[in-house]
């Protein structure tokens, strides 16, 4: 019975670590998205490279089945968002 308890505990700890890392990456991704949106609104050049580097890490975690995958962001997506938010 102790082995089962230890296995369950280890599994839950692993899932918790994945969730914690995913939440940290989500915050980082949102920060990069906000940065790109602000630059776009101000007519300055921007890229989505940092956003998608974080997205790639998040999607690697998603392969373990605990967290959802995220879509990669394009420059066009940011521009469309900024245009929609102006209205």
Protein backbone atom coordinates (compact mmCIF):
# COMPACT_ATOMS: atom_id res chain seq x y z
CA UNK A 1 0.00 0.00 0.00
CA UNK A 2 2.87 2.37 0.74
CA UNK A 3 4.23 1.87 -2.78
CA UNK A 4 0.91 2.88 -4.29
CA UNK A 5 0.76 5.96 -2.08
CA UNK A 6 4.31 6.92 -3.06
CA UNK A 7 3.55 6.42 -6.75
CA UNK A 8 0.43 8.60 -6.52
CA UNK A 9 2.32 11.26 -4.59
CA UNK A 10 5.14 11.27 -7.16
CA UNK A 11 2.63 11.52 -10.00
CA UNK A 12 0.82 14.43 -8.37
CA UNK A 13 4.09 16.22 -7.67
CA UNK A 14 5.07 15.85 -11.32
CA UNK A 15 1.71 17.22 -12.47
CA UNK A 16 1.99 20.13 -10.03
CA UNK A 17 5.46 20.97 -11.36
CA UNK A 18 4.12 20.95 -14.92
CA UNK A 19 1.21 23.21 -13.96
CA UNK A 20 3.52 25.61 -12.13
CA UNK A 21 5.95 25.83 -15.06
CA UNK A 22 3.05 26.29 -17.50
CA UNK A 23 1.66 29.17 -15.43
CA UNK A 24 5.08 30.84 -15.37
CA UNK A 25 5.42 30.45 -19.14
CA UNK A 26 1.87 31.76 -19.64
CA UNK A 27 2.77 34.95 -17.79
CA UNK A 28 5.95 35.35 -19.81
CA UNK A 29 4.05 34.77 -23.07
CA UNK A 30 1.39 37.32 -22.13
CA UNK A 31 4.10 39.86 -21.31
CA UNK A 32 5.66 39.39 -24.76
CA UNK A 33 2.24 39.63 -26.43
CA UNK A 34 1.52 42.90 -24.60
CA UNK A 35 4.91 44.21 -25.68
CA UNK A 36 4.22 43.36 -29.34
CA UNK A 37 0.76 44.92 -29.19
CA UNK A 38 2.13 48.12 -27.68
CA UNK A 39 4.86 48.39 -30.30
CA UNK A 40 2.32 47.75 -33.07
CA UNK A 41 -0.06 50.38 -31.69
CA UNK A 42 2.79 52.89 -31.69
CA UNK A 43 3.72 52.05 -35.28
CA UNK A 44 7.05 50.58 -34.25
CA UNK A 45 8.58 47.39 -35.65
CA UNK A 46 8.00 44.20 -33.66
CA UNK A 47 8.44 40.47 -33.95
CA UNK A 48 6.68 37.45 -32.50
CA UNK A 49 9.86 35.41 -32.03
CA UNK A 50 9.92 35.66 -28.22
CA UNK A 51 6.21 34.87 -28.02
CA UNK A 52 6.61 31.76 -30.12
CA UNK A 53 9.76 30.60 -28.33
CA UNK A 54 7.72 30.52 -25.11
CA UNK A 55 4.77 28.96 -26.96
CA UNK A 56 7.05 26.15 -28.10
CA UNK A 57 8.05 25.43 -24.47
CA UNK A 58 4.39 25.47 -23.44
CA UNK A 59 3.46 23.05 -26.21
CA UNK A 60 6.23 20.70 -25.12
CA UNK A 61 4.62 20.61 -21.68
CA UNK A 62 1.21 20.09 -23.32
CA UNK A 63 2.45 16.87 -24.89
CA UNK A 64 2.38 15.37 -21.40
CA UNK A 65 -1.40 15.77 -21.36
CA UNK A 66 -1.76 17.95 -18.28
CA UNK A 67 -2.00 21.41 -19.87
CA UNK A 68 -3.46 22.72 -23.14
CA UNK A 69 -1.40 23.58 -26.20
CA UNK A 70 -1.18 27.20 -27.31
CA UNK A 71 -1.35 28.58 -30.84
CA UNK A 72 1.69 30.16 -32.39
CA UNK A 73 1.28 33.89 -32.98
CA UNK A 74 1.89 35.63 -36.30
CA UNK A 75 2.65 39.28 -36.98
CA UNK A 76 -0.66 39.43 -38.83
CA UNK A 77 -2.52 38.22 -35.74
CA UNK A 78 -1.05 41.04 -33.67
CA UNK A 79 -1.91 43.62 -36.34
CA UNK A 80 -5.47 42.31 -36.61
CA UNK A 81 -5.89 42.44 -32.84
CA UNK A 82 -4.65 46.04 -32.72
CA UNK A 83 -7.03 47.02 -35.54
CA UNK A 84 -10.01 45.37 -33.84
CA UNK A 85 -9.19 47.02 -30.52
CA UNK A 86 -9.22 50.48 -32.13
CA UNK A 87 -12.93 50.13 -32.98
